[in-house]
Amino acid sequence: MALRDIKNKARLDLHEEMKVPAFYFPPGSFVAAPCFVRVHSMFRALGDIQSNQVGLAEREEMVPRLVFLASEIVPARAGIITISATEGYRIDVVQPPDGLTITAFVVPLTVTQLAGLTYPEVV
């Protein structure tokens, strides 16, 4: 088995273990497509000067991302992802496909913005 095959299998295994059910609403549509996503939330330093020195035009901000399997769904900017009645995202920037996956930077939606949208029922 080639190294690329091993890497792809590991990425599929990771997605399988970390995925959560979601609904994808393409831009301008109210028809939901079921899919699975991986949710990544992290804090990233933002500012003009990124260093270890405190106080230099720098701050930390949460930058949520969603990871999709490219074979399952290709997200588009302004699409909506719902995970639950209290968790959903608007797709902002979609990165080019990276082999098996597509990463999208997203903006969290408020409960008010999620009202009326369907979401997966977790049993």
PDB file of N, CA and C in Angstrom:
ATOM      1  N   MET A   1       0.847  -1.174   0.000  1.00  0.00           N
ATOM      2  CA  MET A   1       0.000   0.000   0.000  1.00  0.00           C
ATOM      3  C   MET A   1       0.894   1.240   0.000  1.00  0.00           C
ATOM      4  N   ALA A   2       0.632   2.141  -0.918  1.00  0.00           N
ATOM      5  CA  ALA A   2       1.423   3.363  -1.050  1.00  0.00           C
ATOM      6  C   ALA A   2       1.129   4.322   0.103  1.00  0.00           C
ATOM      7  N   LEU A   3       2.048   5.226   0.365  1.00  0.00           N
ATOM      8  CA  LEU A   3       1.912   6.199   1.434  1.00  0.00           C
ATOM      9  C   LEU A   3       0.643   7.045   1.254  1.00  0.00           C
ATOM     10  N   ARG A   4       0.331   7.431   0.024  1.00  0.00           N
ATOM     11  CA  ARG A   4      -0.868   8.224  -0.249  1.00  0.00           C
ATOM     12  C   ARG A   4      -2.131   7.450   0.156  1.00  0.00           C
ATOM     13  N   ASP A   5      -2.159   6.160  -0.127  1.00  0.00           N
ATOM     14  CA  ASP A   5      -3.303   5.329   0.245  1.00  0.00           C
ATOM     15  C   ASP A   5      -3.456   5.244   1.758  1.00  0.00           C
ATOM     16  N   ILE A   6      -2.341   5.127   2.454  1.00  0.00           N
ATOM     17  CA  ILE A   6      -2.361   5.066   3.927  1.00  0.00           C
ATOM     18  C   ILE A   6      -2.894   6.383   4.486  1.00  0.00           C
ATOM     19  N   LYS A   7      -2.435   7.498   3.929  1.00  0.00           N
ATOM     20  CA  LYS A   7      -2.888   8.821   4.379  1.00  0.00           C
ATOM     21  C   LYS A   7      -4.386   8.991   4.132  1.00  0.00           C
ATOM     22  N   ASN A   8      -4.856   8.606   2.949  1.00  0.00           N
ATOM     23  CA  ASN A   8      -6.281   8.731   2.643  1.00  0.00           C
ATOM     24  C   ASN A   8      -7.128   7.860   3.558  1.00  0.00           C
ATOM     25  N   LYS A   9      -6.685   6.656   3.853  1.00  0.00           N
ATOM     26  CA  LYS A   9      -7.428   5.787   4.766  1.00  0.00           C
ATOM     27  C   LYS A   9      -7.476   6.399   6.160  1.00  0.00           C
ATOM     28  N   ALA A  10      -6.370   6.966   6.614  1.00  0.00           N
ATOM     29  CA  ALA A  10      -6.337   7.614   7.930  1.00  0.00           C
ATOM     30  C   ALA A  10      -7.282   8.807   7.967  1.00  0.00           C
ATOM     31  N   ARG A  11      -7.332   9.578   6.895  1.00  0.00           N
ATOM     32  CA  ARG A  11      -8.231  10.740   6.847  1.00  0.00           C
ATOM     33  C   ARG A  11      -9.696  10.302   6.851  1.00  0.00           C
ATOM     34  N   LEU A  12     -10.001   9.227   6.132  1.00  0.00           N
ATOM     35  CA  LEU A  12     -11.366   8.700   6.145  1.00  0.00           C
ATOM     36  C   LEU A  12     -11.743   8.170   7.522  1.00  0.00           C
ATOM     37  N   ASP A  13     -10.799   7.475   8.170  1.00  0.00           N
ATOM     38  CA  ASP A  13     -11.051   6.963   9.523  1.00  0.00           C
ATOM     39  C   ASP A  13     -11.292   8.106  10.499  1.00  0.00           C
ATOM     40  N   LEU A  14     -10.493   9.167  10.395  1.00  0.00           N
ATOM     41  CA  LEU A  14     -10.664  10.336  11.254  1.00  0.00           C
ATOM     42  C   LEU A  14     -12.039  10.959  11.036  1.00  0.00           C
ATOM     43  N   HIS A  15     -12.424  11.125   9.788  1.00  0.00           N
ATOM     44  CA  HIS A  15     -13.728  11.715   9.495  1.00  0.00           C
ATOM     45  C   HIS A  15     -14.844  10.838  10.047  1.00  0.00           C
ATOM     46  N   GLU A  16     -14.708   9.542   9.888  1.00  0.00           N
ATOM     47  CA  GLU A  16     -15.735   8.610  10.371  1.00  0.00           C
ATOM     48  C   GLU A  16     -15.909   8.707  11.890  1.00  0.00           C
ATOM     49  N   GLU A  17     -14.831   8.894  12.611  1.00  0.00           N
ATOM     50  CA  GLU A  17     -14.887   8.962  14.078  1.00  0.00           C
ATOM     51  C   GLU A  17     -15.376  10.305  14.596  1.00  0.00           C
ATOM     52  N   MET A  18     -15.077  11.387  13.882  1.00  0.00           N
ATOM     53  CA  MET A  18     -15.387  12.727  14.389  1.00  0.00           C
ATOM     54  C   MET A  18     -16.601  13.382  13.746  1.00  0.00           C
ATOM     55  N   LYS A  19     -17.195  12.757  12.753  1.00  0.00           N
ATOM     56  CA  LYS A  19     -18.293  13.390  12.028  1.00  0.00           C
ATOM     57  C   LYS A  19     -19.545  13.509  12.879  1.00  0.00           C
ATOM     58  N   VAL A  20     -20.330  14.533  12.575  1.00  0.00           N
ATOM     59  CA  VAL A  20     -21.634  14.719  13.198  1.00  0.00           C
ATOM     60  C   VAL A  20     -22.651  14.894  12.073  1.00  0.00           C
ATOM     61  N   PRO A  21     -23.877  14.394  12.280  1.00  0.00           N
ATOM     62  CA  PRO A  21     -24.896  14.574  11.238  1.00  0.00           C
ATOM     63  C   PRO A  21     -25.298  16.038  11.126  1.00  0.00           C
ATOM     64  N   ALA A  22     -25.575  16.452   9.899  1.00  0.00           N
ATOM     65  CA  ALA A  22     -25.952  17.844   9.647  1.00  0.00           C
ATOM     66  C   ALA A  22     -26.876  17.894   8.440  1.00  0.00           C
ATOM     67  N   PHE A  23     -27.505  19.056   8.259  1.00  0.00           N
ATOM     68  CA  PHE A  23     -28.264  19.350   7.053  1.00  0.00           C
ATOM     69  C   PHE A  23     -27.590  20.525   6.361  1.00  0.00           C
ATOM     70  N   TYR A  24     -27.478  20.426   5.046  1.00  0.00           N
ATOM     71  CA  TYR A  24     -26.892  21.489   4.235  1.00  0.00           C
ATOM     72  C   TYR A  24     -27.993  22.123   3.398  1.00  0.00           C
ATOM     73  N   PHE A  25     -28.119  23.441   3.525  1.00  0.00           N
ATOM     74  CA  PHE A  25     -29.056  24.221   2.714  1.00  0.00           C
ATOM     75  C   PHE A  25     -28.223  25.030   1.719  1.00  0.00           C
ATOM     76  N   PRO A  26     -28.280  24.701   0.429  1.00  0.00           N
ATOM     77  CA  PRO A  26     -27.539  25.501  -0.551  1.00  0.00           C
ATOM     78  C   PRO A  26     -28.013  26.956  -0.527  1.00  0.00           C
ATOM     79  N   PRO A  27     -27.188  27.888  -0.988  1.00  0.00           N
ATOM     80  CA  PRO A  27     -27.593  29.297  -0.981  1.00  0.00           C
ATOM     81  C   PRO A  27     -28.934  29.503  -1.683  1.00  0.00           C
ATOM     82  N   GLY A  28     -29.842  30.210  -1.010  1.00  0.00           N
ATOM     83  CA  GLY A  28     -31.138  30.535  -1.582  1.00  0.00           C
ATOM     84  C   GLY A  28     -32.143  29.401  -1.581  1.00  0.00           C
ATOM     85  N   SER A  29     -31.820  28.280  -0.952  1.00  0.00           N
ATOM     86  CA  SER A  29     -32.715  27.123  -0.954  1.00  0.00           C
ATOM     87  C   SER A  29     -33.166  26.788   0.458  1.00  0.00           C
ATOM     88  N   PHE A  30     -34.378  26.273   0.567  1.00  0.00           N
ATOM     89  CA  PHE A  30     -34.873  25.800   1.855  1.00  0.00           C
ATOM     90  C   PHE A  30     -35.023  24.285   1.849  1.00  0.00           C
ATOM     91  N   VAL A  31     -34.395  23.637   0.870  1.00  0.00           N
ATOM     92  CA  VAL A  31     -34.418  22.171   0.777  1.00  0.00           C
ATOM     93  C   VAL A  31     -33.118  21.649   1.367  1.00  0.00           C
ATOM     94  N   ALA A  32     -33.231  20.886   2.450  1.00  0.00           N
ATOM     95  CA  ALA A  32     -32.058  20.407   3.171  1.00  0.00           C
ATOM     96  C   ALA A  32     -31.525  19.111   2.569  1.00  0.00           C
ATOM     97  N   ALA A  33     -30.219  19.016   2.474  1.00  0.00           N
ATOM     98  CA  ALA A  33     -29.549  17.785   2.058  1.00  0.00           C
ATOM     99  C   ALA A  33     -28.805  17.225   3.262  1.00  0.00           C
ATOM    100  N   PRO A  34     -29.071  15.975   3.646  1.00  0.00           N
ATOM    101  CA  PRO A  34     -28.339  15.407   4.782  1.00  0.00           C
ATOM    102  C   PRO A  34     -26.869  15.202   4.429  1.00  0.00           C
ATOM    103  N   CYS A  35     -26.015  15.423   5.403  1.00  0.00           N
ATOM    104  CA  CYS A  35     -24.578  15.220   5.205  1.00  0.00           C
ATOM    105  C   CYS A  35     -23.933  15.015   6.575  1.00  0.00           C
ATOM    106  N   PHE A  36     -22.641  14.813   6.560  1.00  0.00           N
ATOM    107  CA  PHE A  36     -21.864  14.727   7.791  1.00  0.00           C
ATOM    108  C   PHE A  36     -20.746  15.760   7.714  1.00  0.00           C
ATOM    109  N   VAL A  37     -20.424  16.376   8.845  1.00  0.00           N
ATOM    110  CA  VAL A  37     -19.348  17.370   8.900  1.00  0.00           C
ATOM    111  C   VAL A  37     -18.499  17.129  10.143  1.00  0.00           C
ATOM    112  N   ARG A  38     -17.288  17.643  10.094  1.00  0.00           N
ATOM    113  CA  ARG A  38     -16.456  17.721  11.292  1.00  0.00           C
ATOM    114  C   ARG A  38     -16.374  19.189  11.670  1.00  0.00           C
ATOM    115  N   VAL A  39     -16.659  19.474  12.932  1.00  0.00           N
ATOM    116  CA  VAL A  39     -16.639  20.852  13.423  1.00  0.00           C
ATOM    117  C   VAL A  39     -15.304  21.096  14.117  1.00  0.00           C
ATOM    118  N   HIS A  40     -14.620  22.148  13.702  1.00  0.00           N
ATOM    119  CA  HIS A  40     -13.351  22.534  14.313  1.00  0.00           C
ATOM    120  C   HIS A  40     -13.477  23.965  14.830  1.00  0.00           C
ATOM    121  N   SER A  41     -13.268  24.143  16.102  1.00  0.00           N
ATOM    122  CA  SER A  41     -13.229  25.474  16.709  1.00  0.00           C
ATOM    123  C   SER A  41     -11.863  25.637  17.341  1.00  0.00           C
ATOM    124  N   MET A  42     -11.231  26.751  17.052  1.00  0.00           N
ATOM    125  CA  MET A  42      -9.916  27.000  17.638  1.00  0.00           C
ATOM    126  C   MET A  42      -9.714  28.494  17.776  1.00  0.00           C
ATOM    127  N   PHE A  43      -8.795  28.844  18.622  1.00  0.00           N
ATOM    128  CA  PHE A  43      -8.448  30.246  18.771  1.00  0.00           C
ATOM    129  C   PHE A  43      -7.193  30.506  17.964  1.00  0.00           C
ATOM    130  N   ARG A  44      -7.220  31.595  17.223  1.00  0.00           N
ATOM    131  CA  ARG A  44      -6.100  31.938  16.357  1.00  0.00           C
ATOM    132  C   ARG A  44      -5.707  33.381  16.627  1.00  0.00           C
ATOM    133  N   ALA A  45      -4.404  33.623  16.663  1.00  0.00           N
ATOM    134  CA  ALA A  45      -3.916  34.983  16.854  1.00  0.00           C
ATOM    135  C   ALA A  45      -4.147  35.790  15.589  1.00  0.00           C
ATOM    136  N   LEU A  46      -4.722  36.973  15.754  1.00  0.00           N
ATOM    137  CA  LEU A  46      -4.966  37.871  14.633  1.00  0.00           C
ATOM    138  C   LEU A  46      -4.309  39.210  14.920  1.00  0.00           C
ATOM    139  N   GLY A  47      -3.871  39.889  13.904  1.00  0.00           N
ATOM    140  CA  GLY A  47      -3.288  41.214  14.086  1.00  0.00           C
ATOM    141  C   GLY A  47      -2.126  41.446  13.151  1.00  0.00           C
ATOM    142  N   ASP A  48      -1.572  42.633  13.252  1.00  0.00           N
ATOM    143  CA  ASP A  48      -0.470  43.002  12.373  1.00  0.00           C
ATOM    144  C   ASP A  48       0.823  42.287  12.732  1.00  0.00           C
ATOM    145  N   ILE A  49       1.035  42.095  14.028  1.00  0.00           N
ATOM    146  CA  ILE A  49       2.281  41.495  14.489  1.00  0.00           C
ATOM    147  C   ILE A  49       1.944  40.244  15.289  1.00  0.00           C
ATOM    148  N   GLN A  50       2.311  39.109  14.771  1.00  0.00           N
ATOM    149  CA  GLN A  50       2.067  37.868  15.491  1.00  0.00           C
ATOM    150  C   GLN A  50       3.388  37.417  16.103  1.00  0.00           C
ATOM    151  N   SER A  51       3.494  37.602  17.408  1.00  0.00           N
ATOM    152  CA  SER A  51       4.713  37.239  18.104  1.00  0.00           C
ATOM    153  C   SER A  51       4.364  36.772  19.497  1.00  0.00           C
ATOM    154  N   ASN A  52       5.383  36.494  20.274  1.00  0.00           N
ATOM    155  CA  ASN A  52       5.186  36.065  21.659  1.00  0.00           C
ATOM    156  C   ASN A  52       5.103  37.244  22.618  1.00  0.00           C
ATOM    157  N   GLN A  53       5.266  38.456  22.119  1.00  0.00           N
ATOM    158  CA  GLN A  53       5.224  39.627  22.971  1.00  0.00           C
ATOM    159  C   GLN A  53       3.774  40.062  23.175  1.00  0.00           C
ATOM    160  N   VAL A  54       3.428  40.316  24.413  1.00  0.00           N
ATOM    161  CA  VAL A  54       2.060  40.690  24.744  1.00  0.00           C
ATOM    162  C   VAL A  54       1.835  42.165  24.433  1.00  0.00           C
ATOM    163  N   GLY A  55       0.658  42.484  23.923  1.00  0.00           N
ATOM    164  CA  GLY A  55       0.273  43.875  23.724  1.00  0.00           C
ATOM    165  C   GLY A  55       0.611  44.461  22.371  1.00  0.00           C
ATOM    166  N   LEU A  56       1.057  43.673  21.437  1.00  0.00           N
ATOM    167  CA  LEU A  56       1.435  44.203  20.135  1.00  0.00           C
ATOM    168  C   LEU A  56       0.328  43.954  19.107  1.00  0.00           C
ATOM    169  N   ALA A  57      -0.651  44.829  19.056  1.00  0.00           N
ATOM    170  CA  ALA A  57      -1.698  44.792  18.027  1.00  0.00           C
ATOM    171  C   ALA A  57      -2.132  43.372  17.692  1.00  0.00           C
ATOM    172  N   GLU A  58      -2.407  42.607  18.710  1.00  0.00           N
ATOM    173  CA  GLU A  58      -2.728  41.212  18.499  1.00  0.00           C
ATOM    174  C   GLU A  58      -3.891  40.807  19.394  1.00  0.00           C
ATOM    175  N   ARG A  59      -4.700  39.892  18.929  1.00  0.00           N
ATOM    176  CA  ARG A  59      -5.779  39.364  19.746  1.00  0.00           C
ATOM    177  C   ARG A  59      -6.044  37.939  19.313  1.00  0.00           C
ATOM    178  N   GLU A  60      -6.760  37.216  20.137  1.00  0.00           N
ATOM    179  CA  GLU A  60      -7.141  35.850  19.811  1.00  0.00           C
ATOM    180  C   GLU A  60      -8.616  35.831  19.474  1.00  0.00           C
ATOM    181  N   GLU A  61      -8.973  35.106  18.447  1.00  0.00           N
ATOM    182  CA  GLU A  61     -10.356  35.035  18.023  1.00  0.00           C
ATOM    183  C   GLU A  61     -10.675  33.607  17.601  1.00  0.00           C
ATOM    184  N   MET A  62     -11.910  33.184  17.902  1.00  0.00           N
ATOM    185  CA  MET A  62     -12.318  31.854  17.500  1.00  0.00           C
ATOM    186  C   MET A  62     -12.615  31.850  15.999  1.00  0.00           C
ATOM    187  N   VAL A  63     -12.030  30.897  15.294  1.00  0.00           N
ATOM    188  CA  VAL A  63     -12.221  30.777  13.858  1.00  0.00           C
ATOM    189  C   VAL A  63     -12.812  29.386  13.585  1.00  0.00           C
ATOM    190  N   PRO A  64     -14.155  29.268  13.575  1.00  0.00           N
ATOM    191  CA  PRO A  64     -14.734  27.943  13.351  1.00  0.00           C
ATOM    192  C   PRO A  64     -14.608  27.508  11.893  1.00  0.00           C
ATOM    193  N   ARG A  65     -14.402  26.207  11.716  1.00  0.00           N
ATOM    194  CA  ARG A  65     -14.304  25.608  10.390  1.00  0.00           C
ATOM    195  C   ARG A  65     -15.139  24.338  10.364  1.00  0.00           C
ATOM    196  N   LEU A  66     -15.623  23.988   9.198  1.00  0.00           N
ATOM    197  CA  LEU A  66     -16.290  22.716   8.980  1.00  0.00           C
ATOM    198  C   LEU A  66     -15.516  21.970   7.913  1.00  0.00           C
ATOM    199  N   VAL A  67     -15.382  20.661   8.107  1.00  0.00           N
ATOM    200  CA  VAL A  67     -14.695  19.821   7.131  1.00  0.00           C
ATOM    201  C   VAL A  67     -15.717  18.858   6.545  1.00  0.00           C
ATOM    202  N   PHE A  68     -15.796  18.807   5.231  1.00  0.00           N
ATOM    203  CA  PHE A  68     -16.724  17.962   4.492  1.00  0.00           C
ATOM    204  C   PHE A  68     -15.944  16.930   3.690  1.00  0.00           C
ATOM    205  N   LEU A  69     -16.531  15.772   3.450  1.00  0.00           N
ATOM    206  CA  LEU A  69     -15.971  14.840   2.471  1.00  0.00           C
ATOM    207  C   LEU A  69     -16.376  15.328   1.090  1.00  0.00           C
ATOM    208  N   ALA A  70     -15.416  15.520   0.212  1.00  0.00           N
ATOM    209  CA  ALA A  70     -15.697  16.033  -1.126  1.00  0.00           C
ATOM    210  C   ALA A  70     -16.603  15.089  -1.911  1.00  0.00           C
ATOM    211  N   SER A  71     -16.548  13.803  -1.624  1.00  0.00           N
ATOM    212  CA  SER A  71     -17.393  12.840  -2.331  1.00  0.00           C
ATOM    213  C   SER A  71     -18.846  12.909  -1.877  1.00  0.00           C
ATOM    214  N   GLU A  72     -19.090  13.562  -0.746  1.00  0.00           N
ATOM    215  CA  GLU A  72     -20.436  13.621  -0.187  1.00  0.00           C
ATOM    216  C   GLU A  72     -21.165  14.916  -0.564  1.00  0.00           C
ATOM    217  N   ILE A  73     -20.460  16.032  -0.412  1.00  0.00           N
ATOM    218  CA  ILE A  73     -21.105  17.326  -0.671  1.00  0.00           C
ATOM    219  C   ILE A  73     -20.033  18.377  -0.962  1.00  0.00           C
ATOM    220  N   VAL A  74     -20.356  19.303  -1.847  1.00  0.00           N
ATOM    221  CA  VAL A  74     -19.460  20.428  -2.133  1.00  0.00           C
ATOM    222  C   VAL A  74     -20.166  21.685  -1.647  1.00  0.00           C
ATOM    223  N   PRO A  75     -19.725  22.246  -0.517  1.00  0.00           N
ATOM    224  CA  PRO A  75     -20.403  23.417   0.041  1.00  0.00           C
ATOM    225  C   PRO A  75     -20.153  24.667  -0.792  1.00  0.00           C
ATOM    226  N   ALA A  76     -21.077  25.611  -0.684  1.00  0.00           N
ATOM    227  CA  ALA A  76     -20.949  26.882  -1.401  1.00  0.00           C
ATOM    228  C   ALA A  76     -21.077  28.040  -0.420  1.00  0.00           C
ATOM    229  N   ARG A  77     -20.411  29.132  -0.726  1.00  0.00           N
ATOM    230  CA  ARG A  77     -20.495  30.339   0.098  1.00  0.00           C
ATOM    231  C   ARG A  77     -21.958  30.743   0.278  1.00  0.00           C
ATOM    232  N   ALA A  78     -22.322  31.121   1.498  1.00  0.00           N
ATOM    233  CA  ALA A  78     -23.666  31.546   1.893  1.00  0.00           C
ATOM    234  C   ALA A  78     -24.610  30.374   2.114  1.00  0.00           C
ATOM    235  N   GLY A  79     -24.132  29.148   1.952  1.00  0.00           N
ATOM    236  CA  GLY A  79     -24.940  27.993   2.321  1.00  0.00           C
ATOM    237  C   GLY A  79     -25.075  27.929   3.831  1.00  0.00           C
ATOM    238  N   ILE A  80     -26.052  27.167   4.299  1.00  0.00           N
ATOM    239  CA  ILE A  80     -26.306  27.040   5.734  1.00  0.00           C
ATOM    240  C   ILE A  80     -26.139  25.582   6.138  1.00  0.00           C
ATOM    241  N   ILE A  81     -25.499  25.363   7.274  1.00  0.00           N
ATOM    242  CA  ILE A  81     -25.371  24.030   7.872  1.00  0.00           C
ATOM    243  C   ILE A  81     -26.075  24.065   9.218  1.00  0.00           C
ATOM    244  N   THR A  82     -27.000  23.130   9.449  1.00  0.00           N
ATOM    245  CA  THR A  82     -27.626  22.996  10.762  1.00  0.00           C
ATOM    246  C   THR A  82     -27.221  21.664  11.364  1.00  0.00           C
ATOM    247  N   ILE A  83     -26.897  21.702  12.657  1.00  0.00           N
ATOM    248  CA  ILE A  83     -26.501  20.501  13.386  1.00  0.00           C
ATOM    249  C   ILE A  83     -27.524  20.190  14.472  1.00  0.00           C
ATOM    250  N   SER A  84     -28.030  21.229  15.113  1.00  0.00           N
ATOM    251  CA  SER A  84     -29.051  21.071  16.147  1.00  0.00           C
ATOM    252  C   SER A  84     -29.875  22.353  16.210  1.00  0.00           C
ATOM    253  N   ALA A  85     -30.824  22.389  17.138  1.00  0.00           N
ATOM    254  CA  ALA A  85     -31.649  23.590  17.288  1.00  0.00           C
ATOM    255  C   ALA A  85     -30.836  24.777  17.783  1.00  0.00           C
ATOM    256  N   THR A  86     -29.658  24.504  18.351  1.00  0.00           N
ATOM    257  CA  THR A  86     -28.832  25.576  18.903  1.00  0.00           C
ATOM    258  C   THR A  86     -27.465  25.705  18.222  1.00  0.00           C
ATOM    259  N   GLU A  87     -27.204  24.890  17.194  1.00  0.00           N
ATOM    260  CA  GLU A  87     -25.907  24.960  16.517  1.00  0.00           C
ATOM    261  C   GLU A  87     -26.092  24.911  15.005  1.00  0.00           C
ATOM    262  N   GLY A  88     -25.629  25.954  14.373  1.00  0.00           N
ATOM    263  CA  GLY A  88     -25.681  26.035  12.920  1.00  0.00           C
ATOM    264  C   GLY A  88     -24.705  27.085  12.440  1.00  0.00           C
ATOM    265  N   TYR A  89     -24.373  27.047  11.161  1.00  0.00           N
ATOM    266  CA  TYR A  89     -23.346  27.920  10.615  1.00  0.00           C
ATOM    267  C   TYR A  89     -23.727  28.400   9.220  1.00  0.00           C
ATOM    268  N   ARG A  90     -23.272  29.625   8.888  1.00  0.00           N
ATOM    269  CA  ARG A  90     -23.341  30.124   7.519  1.00  0.00           C
ATOM    270  C   ARG A  90     -21.952  29.982   6.932  1.00  0.00           C
ATOM    271  N   ILE A  91     -21.864  29.401   5.758  1.00  0.00           N
ATOM    272  CA  ILE A  91     -20.566  29.173   5.119  1.00  0.00           C
ATOM    273  C   ILE A  91     -20.051  30.496   4.572  1.00  0.00           C
ATOM    274  N   ASP A  92     -18.813  30.807   4.917  1.00  0.00           N
ATOM    275  CA  ASP A  92     -18.199  32.060   4.492  1.00  0.00           C
ATOM    276  C   ASP A  92     -17.213  31.808   3.360  1.00  0.00           C
ATOM    277  N   VAL A  93     -16.074  31.243   3.670  1.00  0.00           N
ATOM    278  CA  VAL A  93     -15.032  31.010   2.671  1.00  0.00           C
ATOM    279  C   VAL A  93     -14.830  29.505   2.514  1.00  0.00           C
ATOM    280  N   VAL A  94     -14.908  29.030   1.290  1.00  0.00           N
ATOM    281  CA  VAL A  94     -14.683  27.610   1.002  1.00  0.00           C
ATOM    282  C   VAL A  94     -13.290  27.462   0.408  1.00  0.00           C
ATOM    283  N   GLN A  95     -12.468  26.649   1.053  1.00  0.00           N
ATOM    284  CA  GLN A  95     -11.118  26.389   0.567  1.00  0.00           C
ATOM    285  C   GLN A  95     -11.166  25.408  -0.605  1.00  0.00           C
ATOM    286  N   PRO A  96     -10.166  25.411  -1.470  1.00  0.00           N
ATOM    287  CA  PRO A  96     -10.117  24.417  -2.551  1.00  0.00           C
ATOM    288  C   PRO A  96     -10.049  23.008  -1.951  1.00  0.00           C
ATOM    289  N   PRO A  97     -10.547  22.012  -2.678  1.00  0.00           N
ATOM    290  CA  PRO A  97     -10.469  20.637  -2.170  1.00  0.00           C
ATOM    291  C   PRO A  97      -9.034  20.253  -1.826  1.00  0.00           C
ATOM    292  N   ASP A  98      -8.892  19.523  -0.727  1.00  0.00           N
ATOM    293  CA  ASP A  98      -7.591  19.022  -0.277  1.00  0.00           C
ATOM    294  C   ASP A  98      -7.665  17.499  -0.294  1.00  0.00           C
ATOM    295  N   GLY A  99      -7.545  16.938  -1.459  1.00  0.00           N
ATOM    296  CA  GLY A  99      -7.669  15.486  -1.571  1.00  0.00           C
ATOM    297  C   GLY A  99      -9.104  15.059  -1.327  1.00  0.00           C
ATOM    298  N   LEU A 100      -9.337  14.396  -0.215  1.00  0.00           N
ATOM    299  CA  LEU A 100     -10.651  13.842   0.100  1.00  0.00           C
ATOM    300  C   LEU A 100     -11.603  14.840   0.732  1.00  0.00           C
ATOM    301  N   THR A 101     -11.089  15.937   1.245  1.00  0.00           N
ATOM    302  CA  THR A 101     -11.924  16.837   2.039  1.00  0.00           C
ATOM    303  C   THR A 101     -11.960  18.255   1.480  1.00  0.00           C
ATOM    304  N   ILE A 102     -12.990  18.978   1.931  1.00  0.00           N
ATOM    305  CA  ILE A 102     -13.125  20.405   1.640  1.00  0.00           C
ATOM    306  C   ILE A 102     -13.360  21.105   2.971  1.00  0.00           C
ATOM    307  N   THR A 103     -12.587  22.128   3.247  1.00  0.00           N
ATOM    308  CA  THR A 103     -12.720  22.894   4.486  1.00  0.00           C
ATOM    309  C   THR A 103     -13.386  24.225   4.179  1.00  0.00           C
ATOM    310  N   ALA A 104     -14.326  24.599   5.055  1.00  0.00           N
ATOM    311  CA  ALA A 104     -15.011  25.892   4.908  1.00  0.00           C
ATOM    312  C   ALA A 104     -14.917  26.657   6.214  1.00  0.00           C
ATOM    313  N   PHE A 105     -14.549  27.921   6.124  1.00  0.00           N
ATOM    314  CA  PHE A 105     -14.609  28.803   7.278  1.00  0.00           C
ATOM    315  C   PHE A 105     -16.052  29.264   7.397  1.00  0.00           C
ATOM    316  N   VAL A 106     -16.571  29.270   8.615  1.00  0.00           N
ATOM    317  CA  VAL A 106     -17.999  29.509   8.813  1.00  0.00           C
ATOM    318  C   VAL A 106     -18.238  30.554   9.890  1.00  0.00           C
ATOM    319  N   VAL A 107     -19.469  31.063   9.906  1.00  0.00           N
ATOM    320  CA  VAL A 107     -19.912  32.025  10.910  1.00  0.00           C
ATOM    321  C   VAL A 107     -21.035  31.365  11.707  1.00  0.00           C
ATOM    322  N   PRO A 108     -20.902  31.285  13.040  1.00  0.00           N
ATOM    323  CA  PRO A 108     -21.980  30.677  13.833  1.00  0.00           C
ATOM    324  C   PRO A 108     -23.278  31.465  13.708  1.00  0.00           C
ATOM    325  N   LEU A 109     -24.397  30.743  13.673  1.00  0.00           N
ATOM    326  CA  LEU A 109     -25.710  31.371  13.633  1.00  0.00           C
ATOM    327  C   LEU A 109     -26.290  31.438  15.036  1.00  0.00           C
ATOM    328  N   THR A 110     -27.102  32.434  15.288  1.00  0.00           N
ATOM    329  CA  THR A 110     -27.777  32.551  16.577  1.00  0.00           C
ATOM    330  C   THR A 110     -28.999  31.637  16.574  1.00  0.00           C
ATOM    331  N   VAL A 111     -29.542  31.393  17.749  1.00  0.00           N
ATOM    332  CA  VAL A 111     -30.751  30.579  17.875  1.00  0.00           C
ATOM    333  C   VAL A 111     -31.894  31.219  17.084  1.00  0.00           C
ATOM    334  N   THR A 112     -31.968  32.532  17.092  1.00  0.00           N
ATOM    335  CA  THR A 112     -32.996  33.242  16.326  1.00  0.00           C
ATOM    336  C   THR A 112     -32.838  32.981  14.830  1.00  0.00           C
ATOM    337  N   GLN A 113     -31.611  33.006  14.338  1.00  0.00           N
ATOM    338  CA  GLN A 113     -31.359  32.749  12.921  1.00  0.00           C
ATOM    339  C   GLN A 113     -31.662  31.297  12.539  1.00  0.00           C
ATOM    340  N   LEU A 114     -31.541  30.395  13.507  1.00  0.00           N
ATOM    341  CA  LEU A 114     -31.799  28.971  13.254  1.00  0.00           C
ATOM    342  C   LEU A 114     -33.281  28.618  13.320  1.00  0.00           C
ATOM    343  N   ALA A 115     -34.077  29.503  13.874  1.00  0.00           N
ATOM    344  CA  ALA A 115     -35.506  29.219  14.049  1.00  0.00           C
ATOM    345  C   ALA A 115     -36.150  28.903  12.705  1.00  0.00           C
ATOM    346  N   GLY A 116     -36.889  27.813  12.664  1.00  0.00           N
ATOM    347  CA  GLY A 116     -37.601  27.413  11.460  1.00  0.00           C
ATOM    348  C   GLY A 116     -36.814  26.514  10.523  1.00  0.00           C
ATOM    349  N   LEU A 117     -35.505  26.401  10.733  1.00  0.00           N
ATOM    350  CA  LEU A 117     -34.698  25.509   9.898  1.00  0.00           C
ATOM    351  C   LEU A 117     -34.709  24.100  10.496  1.00  0.00           C
ATOM    352  N   THR A 118     -34.716  23.104   9.639  1.00  0.00           N
ATOM    353  CA  THR A 118     -34.687  21.733  10.134  1.00  0.00           C
ATOM    354  C   THR A 118     -33.252  21.329  10.448  1.00  0.00           C
ATOM    355  N   TYR A 119     -33.133  20.344  11.295  1.00  0.00           N
ATOM    356  CA  TYR A 119     -31.830  19.830  11.699  1.00  0.00           C
ATOM    357  C   TYR A 119     -31.980  18.329  11.940  1.00  0.00           C
ATOM    358  N   PRO A 120     -30.865  17.603  11.928  1.00  0.00           N
ATOM    359  CA  PRO A 120     -30.936  16.151  12.102  1.00  0.00           C
ATOM    360  C   PRO A 120     -31.441  15.796  13.514  1.00  0.00           C
ATOM    361  N   GLU A 121     -32.263  14.788  13.566  1.00  0.00           N
ATOM    362  CA  GLU A 121     -32.722  14.257  14.857  1.00  0.00           C
ATOM    363  C   GLU A 121     -31.710  13.205  15.282  1.00  0.00           C
ATOM    364  N   VAL A 122     -31.069  13.410  16.413  1.00  0.00           N
ATOM    365  CA  VAL A 122     -30.102  12.460  16.916  1.00  0.00           C
ATOM    366  C   VAL A 122     -30.813  11.492  17.834  1.00  0.00           C
ATOM    367  N   VAL A 123     -30.729  10.204  17.499  1.00  0.00           N
ATOM    368  CA  VAL A 123     -31.424   9.186  18.279  1.00  0.00           C
ATOM    369  C   VAL A 123     -30.477   8.572  19.273  1.00  0.00           C
TER     370      VAL A 123
END
